[in-house]
Amino acid sequence: MTYPVNVPDRARLSRRTLAALATALAAPAALRSAPIAAQADPTAAAPFLPPTPECDDDDSDPTLAQTEGPFFTPDAPERTDLREPGLPGEPLSLAGFVLDDACRPVPGALLEFWQADAAGVYDNEGFTLRGHQFSDEEGRWALETVVPGLYPGRTRHIHVRAQAPAGLLLTTQLYFPDESANAADGIFDPALLVEWEETPSGEPLRARFDFVVEGAA
């Protein structure tokens, strides 16, 4: 499946996202273009997020946990860009915040990502499309990757483990709106859908998801 580049009709914007986008438009350009963290890959795009999230009463529930699956590999490299030269697939930029259950940003949270490639195949010998990073001082994270392919019996998804410093480990999965395979996937949950961001023609797809973790110090 090829996603459209302009996705305003596919966007699923929460009240928090709408408020955050308004804040981002009003923020100074230098602030919006700041790199996500000192460890960020210099080739990765700057996150498309405001300095702090906007929250309401519906935004503090812990992110739904899901199965880790059979393909997690420990000790993946620290990086914010999972793409490699020659790797096929539709480019995808993901970003968001890590928050505690009081909707406060969590700095230094560990995030681990792994996924299938565009053909639906996991690299179980190396670290293709696998990596970890830490949220920055404002709780932000950003990831450059490709749209995952369809693994047999599953809809498109990205695996995530997120953990605040000294907090509880959250293992979950991210999904994409309007996928025909969502309805037939027994693990899929709409609470874990990313939110498409509108992008200019010719630019990579962008999506947003905020993780709410428990036990943050």
N, C-alpha and C. Protein backbone atom coordinates (compact mmCIF):
# COMPACT_ATOMS: atom_id res chain seq x y z
N MET A 1 0.84 -1.19 0.00
CA MET A 1 0.00 0.00 0.00
C MET A 1 0.87 1.24 0.00
N THR A 2 0.55 2.23 -0.84
CA THR A 2 1.28 3.48 -0.87
C THR A 2 0.42 4.56 -0.23
N TYR A 3 0.94 5.22 0.78
CA TYR A 3 0.21 6.27 1.45
C TYR A 3 0.26 7.55 0.62
N PRO A 4 -0.78 8.36 0.68
CA PRO A 4 -0.71 9.66 0.03
C PRO A 4 0.26 10.55 0.78
N VAL A 5 0.87 11.49 0.06
CA VAL A 5 1.80 12.40 0.71
C VAL A 5 1.05 13.48 1.47
N ASN A 6 -0.03 14.02 0.89
CA ASN A 6 -0.86 14.98 1.59
C ASN A 6 -1.99 14.24 2.27
N VAL A 7 -2.10 14.37 3.59
CA VAL A 7 -3.04 13.52 4.31
C VAL A 7 -4.01 14.28 5.19
N PRO A 8 -4.48 15.50 4.84
CA PRO A 8 -5.40 16.18 5.74
C PRO A 8 -6.68 15.42 5.95
N ASP A 9 -7.18 14.69 4.94
CA ASP A 9 -8.42 13.93 5.09
C ASP A 9 -8.23 12.68 5.92
N ARG A 10 -6.97 12.26 6.17
CA ARG A 10 -6.71 11.08 6.97
C ARG A 10 -6.34 11.44 8.40
N ALA A 11 -6.19 12.75 8.66
CA ALA A 11 -5.69 13.16 9.97
C ALA A 11 -6.68 12.81 11.06
N ARG A 12 -6.14 12.39 12.22
CA ARG A 12 -6.95 12.08 13.39
C ARG A 12 -6.38 12.95 14.51
N LEU A 13 -6.81 14.22 14.57
CA LEU A 13 -6.19 15.18 15.47
C LEU A 13 -7.00 15.30 16.76
N SER A 14 -6.37 15.01 17.90
CA SER A 14 -6.99 15.18 19.20
C SER A 14 -6.97 16.65 19.57
N ARG A 15 -7.69 16.98 20.66
CA ARG A 15 -7.66 18.35 21.12
C ARG A 15 -6.24 18.77 21.49
N ARG A 16 -5.48 17.87 22.08
CA ARG A 16 -4.11 18.19 22.44
C ARG A 16 -3.28 18.49 21.21
N THR A 17 -3.42 17.68 20.15
CA THR A 17 -2.64 17.88 18.95
C THR A 17 -2.98 19.20 18.29
N LEU A 18 -4.29 19.55 18.21
CA LEU A 18 -4.69 20.81 17.61
C LEU A 18 -4.10 21.98 18.37
N ALA A 19 -4.15 21.91 19.70
CA ALA A 19 -3.57 22.99 20.49
C ALA A 19 -2.07 23.05 20.32
N ALA A 20 -1.44 21.88 20.25
CA ALA A 20 0.01 21.85 20.10
C ALA A 20 0.44 22.42 18.76
N LEU A 21 -0.31 22.10 17.70
CA LEU A 21 0.03 22.63 16.40
C LEU A 21 -0.10 24.15 16.37
N ALA A 22 -1.14 24.68 17.05
CA ALA A 22 -1.29 26.13 17.12
C ALA A 22 -0.12 26.76 17.85
N THR A 23 0.32 26.12 18.93
CA THR A 23 1.48 26.62 19.66
C THR A 23 2.73 26.59 18.79
N ALA A 24 2.87 25.51 18.01
CA ALA A 24 4.06 25.37 17.17
C ALA A 24 4.12 26.47 16.11
N LEU A 25 2.96 26.84 15.55
CA LEU A 25 2.95 27.87 14.53
C LEU A 25 3.34 29.22 15.11
N ALA A 26 3.01 29.44 16.39
CA ALA A 26 3.32 30.71 17.02
C ALA A 26 4.73 30.76 17.58
N ALA A 27 5.37 29.60 17.74
CA ALA A 27 6.69 29.55 18.36
C ALA A 27 7.75 30.08 17.42
N PRO A 28 8.85 30.60 17.96
CA PRO A 28 9.94 31.07 17.10
C PRO A 28 10.48 29.93 16.24
N ALA A 29 10.88 30.26 15.03
CA ALA A 29 11.36 29.23 14.11
C ALA A 29 12.57 28.52 14.66
N ALA A 30 13.45 29.24 15.33
CA ALA A 30 14.66 28.61 15.88
C ALA A 30 14.31 27.56 16.91
N LEU A 31 13.28 27.82 17.72
CA LEU A 31 12.88 26.86 18.73
C LEU A 31 12.27 25.63 18.10
N ARG A 32 11.44 25.82 17.07
CA ARG A 32 10.80 24.68 16.43
C ARG A 32 11.81 23.79 15.71
N SER A 33 12.92 24.35 15.27
CA SER A 33 13.87 23.56 14.51
C SER A 33 15.00 23.01 15.36
N ALA A 34 14.91 23.14 16.69
CA ALA A 34 15.99 22.65 17.55
C ALA A 34 16.07 21.14 17.46
N PRO A 35 17.29 20.54 17.51
CA PRO A 35 17.42 19.09 17.46
C PRO A 35 16.79 18.45 18.69
N ILE A 36 16.35 17.20 18.56
CA ILE A 36 15.62 16.57 19.64
C ILE A 36 16.49 16.30 20.85
N ALA A 37 17.73 15.89 20.69
CA ALA A 37 18.57 15.57 21.83
C ALA A 37 20.02 15.54 21.36
N ALA A 38 20.92 15.55 22.33
CA ALA A 38 22.33 15.55 21.98
C ALA A 38 22.74 14.29 21.25
N GLN A 39 22.03 13.17 21.52
CA GLN A 39 22.39 11.93 20.88
C GLN A 39 21.70 11.71 19.54
N ALA A 40 20.93 12.70 19.07
CA ALA A 40 20.16 12.53 17.85
C ALA A 40 21.09 12.36 16.65
N ASP A 41 20.65 11.53 15.72
CA ASP A 41 21.39 11.34 14.48
C ASP A 41 21.40 12.66 13.71
N PRO A 42 22.54 13.17 13.30
CA PRO A 42 22.57 14.47 12.62
C PRO A 42 21.84 14.47 11.29
N THR A 43 21.57 13.30 10.73
CA THR A 43 20.84 13.24 9.46
C THR A 43 19.34 13.22 9.66
N ALA A 44 18.88 13.09 10.91
CA ALA A 44 17.45 13.01 11.17
C ALA A 44 16.83 14.40 11.13
N ALA A 45 15.57 14.46 10.70
CA ALA A 45 14.87 15.73 10.64
C ALA A 45 14.52 16.21 12.04
N ALA A 46 14.43 17.54 12.21
CA ALA A 46 14.02 18.09 13.50
C ALA A 46 12.57 17.72 13.77
N PRO A 47 12.21 17.51 15.04
CA PRO A 47 10.84 17.12 15.36
C PRO A 47 9.86 18.24 15.07
N PHE A 48 8.67 17.91 14.62
CA PHE A 48 7.65 18.88 14.28
C PHE A 48 6.72 19.06 15.48
N LEU A 49 7.27 19.48 16.62
CA LEU A 49 6.52 19.57 17.86
C LEU A 49 6.75 20.91 18.53
N PRO A 50 5.79 21.39 19.33
CA PRO A 50 6.01 22.58 20.15
C PRO A 50 6.92 22.24 21.33
N PRO A 51 7.38 23.23 22.09
CA PRO A 51 8.29 22.94 23.20
C PRO A 51 7.67 22.07 24.28
N THR A 52 6.39 22.26 24.58
CA THR A 52 5.72 21.45 25.60
C THR A 52 4.35 21.03 25.09
N PRO A 53 3.84 19.90 25.57
CA PRO A 53 2.52 19.43 25.09
C PRO A 53 1.38 20.18 25.76
N GLU A 54 0.24 20.19 25.10
CA GLU A 54 -1.00 20.68 25.69
C GLU A 54 -1.84 19.47 26.07
N CYS A 55 -2.39 19.46 27.28
CA CYS A 55 -3.10 18.28 27.77
C CYS A 55 -4.49 18.65 28.26
N ASP A 56 -5.38 17.68 28.23
CA ASP A 56 -6.69 17.84 28.85
C ASP A 56 -6.99 16.58 29.66
N ASP A 57 -8.20 16.49 30.19
CA ASP A 57 -8.52 15.41 31.12
C ASP A 57 -8.48 14.03 30.49
N ASP A 58 -8.55 13.96 29.17
CA ASP A 58 -8.58 12.67 28.50
C ASP A 58 -7.19 12.18 28.10
N ASP A 59 -6.16 12.95 28.41
CA ASP A 59 -4.84 12.67 27.87
C ASP A 59 -3.85 12.09 28.88
N SER A 60 -4.31 11.72 30.08
CA SER A 60 -3.39 11.26 31.11
C SER A 60 -3.52 9.77 31.41
N ASP A 61 -4.35 9.06 30.68
CA ASP A 61 -4.46 7.62 30.89
C ASP A 61 -3.20 6.94 30.37
N PRO A 62 -2.66 5.96 31.11
CA PRO A 62 -1.46 5.26 30.63
C PRO A 62 -1.68 4.65 29.26
N THR A 63 -0.65 4.69 28.43
CA THR A 63 -0.72 4.07 27.10
C THR A 63 -0.97 2.58 27.24
N LEU A 64 -1.85 2.07 26.40
CA LEU A 64 -2.22 0.66 26.44
C LEU A 64 -1.02 -0.24 26.18
N ALA A 65 -0.81 -1.22 27.04
CA ALA A 65 0.27 -2.19 26.84
C ALA A 65 -0.18 -3.28 25.88
N GLN A 66 0.77 -3.78 25.09
CA GLN A 66 0.50 -4.90 24.19
C GLN A 66 1.68 -5.86 24.20
N THR A 67 1.45 -7.01 23.59
CA THR A 67 2.47 -8.06 23.57
C THR A 67 3.75 -7.59 22.89
N GLU A 68 4.88 -8.08 23.38
CA GLU A 68 6.17 -7.77 22.78
C GLU A 68 6.35 -8.45 21.43
N GLY A 69 5.74 -9.62 21.26
CA GLY A 69 5.93 -10.38 20.03
C GLY A 69 7.23 -11.17 20.07
N PRO A 70 7.48 -11.98 19.04
CA PRO A 70 8.63 -12.88 19.06
C PRO A 70 9.93 -12.28 18.54
N PHE A 71 9.94 -11.01 18.11
CA PHE A 71 11.08 -10.53 17.34
C PHE A 71 11.87 -9.42 18.02
N PHE A 72 11.71 -9.21 19.32
CA PHE A 72 12.52 -8.21 20.01
C PHE A 72 13.98 -8.68 20.09
N THR A 73 14.91 -7.78 19.84
CA THR A 73 16.34 -8.05 19.97
C THR A 73 16.95 -7.02 20.91
N PRO A 74 17.59 -7.44 21.99
CA PRO A 74 18.20 -6.47 22.91
C PRO A 74 19.45 -5.83 22.31
N ASP A 75 19.88 -4.73 22.94
CA ASP A 75 21.13 -4.06 22.59
C ASP A 75 21.14 -3.47 21.18
N ALA A 76 19.97 -3.04 20.70
CA ALA A 76 19.94 -2.33 19.42
C ALA A 76 20.68 -1.00 19.57
N PRO A 77 21.25 -0.48 18.49
CA PRO A 77 22.05 0.74 18.60
C PRO A 77 21.22 1.96 18.98
N GLU A 78 21.89 2.93 19.58
CA GLU A 78 21.25 4.20 19.93
C GLU A 78 21.23 5.08 18.68
N ARG A 79 20.05 5.40 18.19
CA ARG A 79 19.91 6.23 17.00
C ARG A 79 18.47 6.68 16.86
N THR A 80 18.28 7.79 16.18
CA THR A 80 16.94 8.29 15.91
C THR A 80 16.53 8.11 14.46
N ASP A 81 17.42 7.56 13.65
CA ASP A 81 17.14 7.31 12.24
C ASP A 81 17.42 5.84 11.95
N LEU A 82 16.36 5.08 11.67
CA LEU A 82 16.50 3.65 11.42
C LEU A 82 16.77 3.34 9.95
N ARG A 83 16.74 4.35 9.12
CA ARG A 83 16.95 4.11 7.69
C ARG A 83 18.42 3.84 7.41
N GLU A 84 18.67 3.07 6.35
CA GLU A 84 20.02 2.75 5.93
C GLU A 84 20.10 2.92 4.42
N PRO A 85 21.28 3.17 3.88
CA PRO A 85 21.42 3.34 2.42
C PRO A 85 20.86 2.12 1.67
N GLY A 86 20.02 2.40 0.69
CA GLY A 86 19.45 1.34 -0.12
C GLY A 86 18.24 0.65 0.47
N LEU A 87 17.83 1.03 1.68
CA LEU A 87 16.67 0.39 2.29
C LEU A 87 15.40 0.86 1.61
N PRO A 88 14.61 -0.05 1.02
CA PRO A 88 13.39 0.38 0.34
C PRO A 88 12.29 0.73 1.35
N GLY A 89 11.32 1.47 0.88
CA GLY A 89 10.17 1.77 1.73
C GLY A 89 9.81 3.25 1.70
N GLU A 90 8.55 3.54 2.01
CA GLU A 90 8.05 4.91 2.08
C GLU A 90 8.61 5.60 3.32
N PRO A 91 9.35 6.70 3.17
CA PRO A 91 9.89 7.38 4.35
C PRO A 91 8.79 7.83 5.30
N LEU A 92 9.06 7.73 6.58
CA LEU A 92 8.08 8.07 7.61
C LEU A 92 8.79 8.73 8.78
N SER A 93 8.30 9.89 9.18
CA SER A 93 8.80 10.59 10.36
C SER A 93 7.76 10.47 11.47
N LEU A 94 8.18 9.96 12.61
CA LEU A 94 7.32 9.86 13.79
C LEU A 94 7.89 10.76 14.88
N ALA A 95 7.02 11.32 15.70
CA ALA A 95 7.48 12.15 16.82
C ALA A 95 6.38 12.22 17.87
N GLY A 96 6.76 12.62 19.06
CA GLY A 96 5.79 12.76 20.14
C GLY A 96 6.49 13.10 21.44
N PHE A 97 5.73 12.99 22.51
CA PHE A 97 6.24 13.22 23.85
C PHE A 97 6.12 11.94 24.66
N VAL A 98 6.96 11.82 25.69
CA VAL A 98 6.74 10.86 26.76
C VAL A 98 6.25 11.66 27.95
N LEU A 99 5.09 11.28 28.49
CA LEU A 99 4.44 12.00 29.58
C LEU A 99 4.20 11.07 30.75
N ASP A 100 4.08 11.65 31.96
CA ASP A 100 3.65 10.85 33.10
C ASP A 100 2.13 10.95 33.23
N ASP A 101 1.56 10.29 34.25
CA ASP A 101 0.10 10.26 34.34
C ASP A 101 -0.50 11.57 34.85
N ALA A 102 0.35 12.57 35.10
CA ALA A 102 -0.12 13.92 35.38
C ALA A 102 0.09 14.82 34.17
N CYS A 103 0.42 14.22 33.03
CA CYS A 103 0.62 14.92 31.76
C CYS A 103 1.84 15.83 31.80
N ARG A 104 2.84 15.47 32.57
CA ARG A 104 4.09 16.21 32.61
C ARG A 104 5.12 15.52 31.73
N PRO A 105 5.91 16.27 30.97
CA PRO A 105 6.94 15.64 30.13
C PRO A 105 7.94 14.87 30.98
N VAL A 106 8.40 13.73 30.44
CA VAL A 106 9.38 12.88 31.13
C VAL A 106 10.69 12.93 30.36
N PRO A 107 11.68 13.63 30.86
CA PRO A 107 12.98 13.65 30.19
C PRO A 107 13.76 12.36 30.45
N GLY A 108 14.61 12.00 29.52
CA GLY A 108 15.49 10.86 29.70
C GLY A 108 14.80 9.51 29.68
N ALA A 109 13.59 9.45 29.14
CA ALA A 109 12.89 8.16 29.04
C ALA A 109 13.51 7.32 27.92
N LEU A 110 13.67 6.05 28.17
CA LEU A 110 14.19 5.11 27.18
C LEU A 110 13.07 4.69 26.24
N LEU A 111 13.33 4.75 24.93
CA LEU A 111 12.40 4.26 23.92
C LEU A 111 13.14 3.31 22.99
N GLU A 112 12.59 2.13 22.79
CA GLU A 112 13.16 1.15 21.87
C GLU A 112 12.13 0.86 20.78
N PHE A 113 12.58 0.87 19.53
CA PHE A 113 11.70 0.65 18.39
C PHE A 113 12.21 -0.51 17.55
N TRP A 114 11.29 -1.33 17.05
CA TRP A 114 11.65 -2.34 16.07
C TRP A 114 10.44 -2.64 15.20
N GLN A 115 10.69 -3.03 13.95
CA GLN A 115 9.60 -3.19 12.99
C GLN A 115 10.04 -4.05 11.82
N ALA A 116 9.05 -4.48 11.03
CA ALA A 116 9.31 -5.16 9.78
C ALA A 116 9.71 -4.15 8.72
N ASP A 117 10.40 -4.63 7.69
CA ASP A 117 10.73 -3.74 6.57
C ASP A 117 9.53 -3.60 5.64
N ALA A 118 9.72 -2.95 4.51
CA ALA A 118 8.61 -2.68 3.59
C ALA A 118 8.00 -3.95 3.02
N ALA A 119 8.75 -5.06 3.07
CA ALA A 119 8.23 -6.34 2.58
C ALA A 119 7.62 -7.17 3.70
N GLY A 120 7.57 -6.64 4.91
CA GLY A 120 6.99 -7.37 6.03
C GLY A 120 7.95 -8.34 6.69
N VAL A 121 9.26 -8.14 6.51
CA VAL A 121 10.27 -9.06 7.03
C VAL A 121 11.05 -8.38 8.16
N TYR A 122 11.23 -9.11 9.28
CA TYR A 122 12.05 -8.63 10.38
C TYR A 122 13.50 -9.11 10.20
N ASP A 123 14.43 -8.25 10.56
CA ASP A 123 15.83 -8.64 10.59
C ASP A 123 16.12 -9.24 11.96
N ASN A 124 16.24 -10.56 12.02
CA ASN A 124 16.50 -11.25 13.28
C ASN A 124 17.97 -11.65 13.42
N GLU A 125 18.80 -11.21 12.49
CA GLU A 125 20.23 -11.48 12.56
C GLU A 125 21.03 -10.23 12.93
N GLY A 126 20.52 -9.09 12.56
CA GLY A 126 21.21 -7.83 12.83
C GLY A 126 20.25 -6.81 13.43
N PHE A 127 20.47 -5.53 13.08
CA PHE A 127 19.70 -4.46 13.72
C PHE A 127 19.03 -3.55 12.70
N THR A 128 18.73 -4.08 11.51
CA THR A 128 17.99 -3.29 10.53
C THR A 128 16.62 -2.92 11.10
N LEU A 129 16.27 -1.64 11.03
CA LEU A 129 15.00 -1.11 11.53
C LEU A 129 14.80 -1.42 13.02
N ARG A 130 15.90 -1.30 13.74
CA ARG A 130 15.88 -1.46 15.20
C ARG A 130 16.76 -0.37 15.80
N GLY A 131 16.34 0.17 16.92
CA GLY A 131 17.16 1.17 17.58
C GLY A 131 16.52 1.66 18.85
N HIS A 132 17.33 2.34 19.66
CA HIS A 132 16.79 2.95 20.88
C HIS A 132 17.25 4.40 20.96
N GLN A 133 16.55 5.18 21.77
CA GLN A 133 16.86 6.58 21.99
C GLN A 133 16.31 6.99 23.35
N PHE A 134 16.58 8.26 23.72
CA PHE A 134 16.08 8.80 24.98
C PHE A 134 15.33 10.10 24.70
N SER A 135 14.24 10.31 25.39
CA SER A 135 13.51 11.57 25.24
C SER A 135 14.38 12.72 25.72
N ASP A 136 14.19 13.90 25.13
CA ASP A 136 15.02 15.04 25.47
C ASP A 136 14.53 15.71 26.76
N GLU A 137 15.10 16.86 27.07
CA GLU A 137 14.77 17.52 28.34
C GLU A 137 13.32 17.97 28.41
N GLU A 138 12.64 18.06 27.27
CA GLU A 138 11.22 18.41 27.24
C GLU A 138 10.33 17.18 27.06
N GLY A 139 10.91 15.98 27.12
CA GLY A 139 10.13 14.77 26.97
C GLY A 139 9.86 14.39 25.53
N ARG A 140 10.49 15.07 24.58
CA ARG A 140 10.22 14.80 23.16
C ARG A 140 11.05 13.63 22.64
N TRP A 141 10.50 12.95 21.65
CA TRP A 141 11.23 11.93 20.91
C TRP A 141 10.90 12.11 19.43
N ALA A 142 11.77 11.61 18.57
CA ALA A 142 11.53 11.66 17.12
C ALA A 142 12.25 10.49 16.47
N LEU A 143 11.65 9.95 15.43
CA LEU A 143 12.19 8.77 14.75
C LEU A 143 12.00 8.90 13.25
N GLU A 144 13.06 8.61 12.51
CA GLU A 144 12.98 8.52 11.06
C GLU A 144 13.04 7.04 10.68
N THR A 145 12.08 6.59 9.89
CA THR A 145 12.00 5.18 9.53
C THR A 145 11.29 5.05 8.18
N VAL A 146 10.77 3.88 7.89
CA VAL A 146 9.95 3.65 6.70
C VAL A 146 8.64 3.03 7.15
N VAL A 147 7.62 3.15 6.32
CA VAL A 147 6.34 2.52 6.63
C VAL A 147 6.54 1.00 6.62
N PRO A 148 6.17 0.32 7.71
CA PRO A 148 6.37 -1.14 7.75
C PRO A 148 5.45 -1.87 6.78
N GLY A 149 5.91 -3.00 6.28
CA GLY A 149 5.08 -3.83 5.43
C GLY A 149 4.15 -4.70 6.25
N LEU A 150 3.35 -5.47 5.56
CA LEU A 150 2.38 -6.35 6.22
C LEU A 150 3.04 -7.68 6.57
N TYR A 151 3.18 -7.92 7.85
CA TYR A 151 3.65 -9.22 8.33
C TYR A 151 2.46 -10.18 8.29
N PRO A 152 2.65 -11.46 7.91
CA PRO A 152 1.50 -12.39 7.78
C PRO A 152 0.64 -12.42 9.04
N GLY A 153 -0.65 -12.19 8.86
CA GLY A 153 -1.60 -12.24 9.95
C GLY A 153 -1.70 -10.96 10.76
N ARG A 154 -0.91 -9.94 10.41
CA ARG A 154 -0.91 -8.69 11.17
C ARG A 154 -1.14 -7.50 10.25
N THR A 155 -1.67 -6.45 10.81
CA THR A 155 -1.73 -5.18 10.11
C THR A 155 -0.39 -4.47 10.27
N ARG A 156 -0.21 -3.34 9.61
CA ARG A 156 1.05 -2.60 9.74
C ARG A 156 1.19 -2.10 11.18
N HIS A 157 2.39 -2.23 11.73
CA HIS A 157 2.60 -1.82 13.12
C HIS A 157 4.08 -1.63 13.39
N ILE A 158 4.37 -0.88 14.44
CA ILE A 158 5.72 -0.67 14.93
C ILE A 158 5.74 -1.02 16.41
N HIS A 159 6.70 -1.83 16.82
CA HIS A 159 6.83 -2.22 18.23
C HIS A 159 7.60 -1.15 19.00
N VAL A 160 7.20 -0.95 20.25
CA VAL A 160 7.84 0.06 21.09
C VAL A 160 7.94 -0.46 22.52
N ARG A 161 9.06 -0.16 23.15
CA ARG A 161 9.20 -0.28 24.61
C ARG A 161 9.58 1.10 25.12
N ALA A 162 8.87 1.59 26.14
CA ALA A 162 9.12 2.91 26.69
C ALA A 162 9.20 2.80 28.20
N GLN A 163 10.14 3.53 28.79
CA GLN A 163 10.34 3.44 30.24
C GLN A 163 10.94 4.74 30.75
N ALA A 164 10.25 5.34 31.74
CA ALA A 164 10.80 6.51 32.41
C ALA A 164 11.96 6.09 33.28
N PRO A 165 12.89 7.00 33.60
CA PRO A 165 13.94 6.65 34.54
C PRO A 165 13.35 6.14 35.84
N ALA A 166 13.75 4.94 36.26
CA ALA A 166 13.26 4.30 37.48
C ALA A 166 11.76 4.01 37.42
N GLY A 167 11.17 4.04 36.20
CA GLY A 167 9.74 3.79 36.05
C GLY A 167 9.44 2.39 35.57
N LEU A 168 8.17 2.11 35.34
CA LEU A 168 7.72 0.81 34.86
C LEU A 168 7.91 0.72 33.35
N LEU A 169 8.23 -0.46 32.87
CA LEU A 169 8.42 -0.68 31.44
C LEU A 169 7.07 -0.82 30.75
N LEU A 170 6.87 -0.04 29.71
CA LEU A 170 5.69 -0.15 28.85
C LEU A 170 6.11 -0.82 27.56
N THR A 171 5.44 -1.90 27.19
CA THR A 171 5.64 -2.56 25.90
C THR A 171 4.35 -2.43 25.12
N THR A 172 4.43 -1.91 23.90
CA THR A 172 3.21 -1.66 23.15
C THR A 172 3.50 -1.69 21.65
N GLN A 173 2.52 -1.31 20.84
CA GLN A 173 2.65 -1.27 19.39
C GLN A 173 1.91 -0.05 18.86
N LEU A 174 2.39 0.51 17.77
CA LEU A 174 1.74 1.64 17.12
C LEU A 174 1.11 1.18 15.81
N TYR A 175 -0.06 1.75 15.51
CA TYR A 175 -0.80 1.37 14.30
C TYR A 175 -1.12 2.61 13.47
N PHE A 176 -1.63 2.38 12.24
CA PHE A 176 -1.86 3.44 11.29
C PHE A 176 -3.35 3.51 10.92
N PRO A 177 -3.92 4.71 10.87
CA PRO A 177 -5.33 4.86 10.53
C PRO A 177 -5.67 4.35 9.13
N ASP A 178 -6.90 3.91 8.98
CA ASP A 178 -7.48 3.57 7.67
C ASP A 178 -6.81 2.41 6.97
N GLU A 179 -6.13 1.55 7.72
CA GLU A 179 -5.57 0.33 7.15
C GLU A 179 -6.66 -0.73 7.05
N SER A 180 -6.80 -1.34 5.88
CA SER A 180 -7.85 -2.35 5.69
C SER A 180 -7.61 -3.56 6.58
N ALA A 181 -6.34 -3.84 6.93
CA ALA A 181 -6.02 -5.01 7.75
C ALA A 181 -6.25 -4.78 9.23
N ASN A 182 -6.55 -3.55 9.64
CA ASN A 182 -6.76 -3.30 11.07
C ASN A 182 -7.91 -4.14 11.63
N ALA A 183 -9.00 -4.20 10.88
CA ALA A 183 -10.20 -4.87 11.39
C ALA A 183 -9.99 -6.36 11.60
N ALA A 184 -9.10 -6.98 10.85
CA ALA A 184 -8.88 -8.42 10.95
C ALA A 184 -7.75 -8.79 11.89
N ASP A 185 -7.07 -7.81 12.44
CA ASP A 185 -5.94 -8.06 13.33
C ASP A 185 -6.46 -8.20 14.76
N GLY A 186 -6.25 -9.36 15.37
CA GLY A 186 -6.78 -9.61 16.70
C GLY A 186 -6.10 -8.83 17.80
N ILE A 187 -4.95 -8.21 17.53
CA ILE A 187 -4.23 -7.44 18.54
C ILE A 187 -4.49 -5.95 18.39
N PHE A 188 -4.85 -5.51 17.20
CA PHE A 188 -5.06 -4.09 16.93
C PHE A 188 -5.99 -3.44 17.94
N ASP A 189 -5.63 -2.22 18.35
CA ASP A 189 -6.49 -1.42 19.22
C ASP A 189 -6.44 0.03 18.74
N PRO A 190 -7.59 0.66 18.51
CA PRO A 190 -7.60 2.03 17.99
C PRO A 190 -6.96 3.04 18.93
N ALA A 191 -6.82 2.71 20.22
CA ALA A 191 -6.18 3.62 21.15
C ALA A 191 -4.70 3.83 20.81
N LEU A 192 -4.14 2.97 19.97
CA LEU A 192 -2.72 3.04 19.64
C LEU A 192 -2.48 3.53 18.21
N LEU A 193 -3.47 4.17 17.63
CA LEU A 193 -3.31 4.75 16.30
C LEU A 193 -2.46 6.02 16.37
N VAL A 194 -1.51 6.14 15.47
CA VAL A 194 -0.80 7.41 15.33
C VAL A 194 -1.74 8.43 14.71
N GLU A 195 -1.38 9.69 14.83
CA GLU A 195 -2.16 10.78 14.23
C GLU A 195 -1.36 11.37 13.07
N TRP A 196 -1.94 11.30 11.89
CA TRP A 196 -1.24 11.86 10.72
C TRP A 196 -1.13 13.37 10.85
N GLU A 197 0.01 13.90 10.45
CA GLU A 197 0.21 15.34 10.36
C GLU A 197 0.15 15.73 8.89
N GLU A 198 -0.44 16.88 8.61
CA GLU A 198 -0.48 17.35 7.22
C GLU A 198 0.92 17.73 6.76
N THR A 199 1.30 17.26 5.58
CA THR A 199 2.63 17.53 5.04
C THR A 199 2.54 18.11 3.64
N PRO A 200 3.45 19.00 3.28
CA PRO A 200 3.46 19.53 1.91
C PRO A 200 3.76 18.43 0.90
N SER A 201 3.32 18.64 -0.29
CA SER A 201 3.55 17.68 -1.36
C SER A 201 5.04 17.44 -1.54
N GLY A 202 5.41 16.16 -1.65
CA GLY A 202 6.80 15.79 -1.88
C GLY A 202 7.61 15.57 -0.62
N GLU A 203 7.06 15.86 0.55
CA GLU A 203 7.78 15.64 1.80
C GLU A 203 7.36 14.30 2.42
N PRO A 204 8.23 13.71 3.27
CA PRO A 204 7.90 12.42 3.88
C PRO A 204 6.64 12.49 4.74
N LEU A 205 5.99 11.35 4.88
CA LEU A 205 4.85 11.25 5.79
C LEU A 205 5.29 11.56 7.21
N ARG A 206 4.40 12.19 7.97
CA ARG A 206 4.69 12.50 9.36
C ARG A 206 3.51 12.08 10.22
N ALA A 207 3.81 11.55 11.40
CA ALA A 207 2.76 11.13 12.32
C ALA A 207 3.20 11.41 13.75
N ARG A 208 2.22 11.48 14.64
CA ARG A 208 2.45 11.86 16.04
C ARG A 208 1.85 10.80 16.96
N PHE A 209 2.57 10.52 18.06
CA PHE A 209 2.01 9.71 19.14
C PHE A 209 2.71 10.10 20.44
N ASP A 210 1.92 10.29 21.50
CA ASP A 210 2.45 10.61 22.82
C ASP A 210 2.27 9.40 23.73
N PHE A 211 3.36 8.98 24.37
CA PHE A 211 3.32 7.86 25.29
C PHE A 211 3.10 8.39 26.71
N VAL A 212 2.19 7.77 27.44
CA VAL A 212 1.99 8.05 28.86
C VAL A 212 2.47 6.85 29.64
N VAL A 213 3.52 7.05 30.43
CA VAL A 213 4.14 5.95 31.16
C VAL A 213 3.86 6.08 32.64
N GLU A 214 3.87 4.95 33.34
CA GLU A 214 3.60 4.93 34.78
C GLU A 214 4.90 4.82 35.56
N GLY A 215 4.83 5.28 36.78
CA GLY A 215 5.96 5.12 37.68
C GLY A 215 7.10 6.06 37.41
N ALA A 216 6.82 7.18 36.69
CA ALA A 216 7.87 8.14 36.43
C ALA A 216 8.33 8.77 37.73
N ALA A 217 9.65 8.94 37.88
CA ALA A 217 10.19 9.50 39.11
C ALA A 217 9.85 10.99 39.21
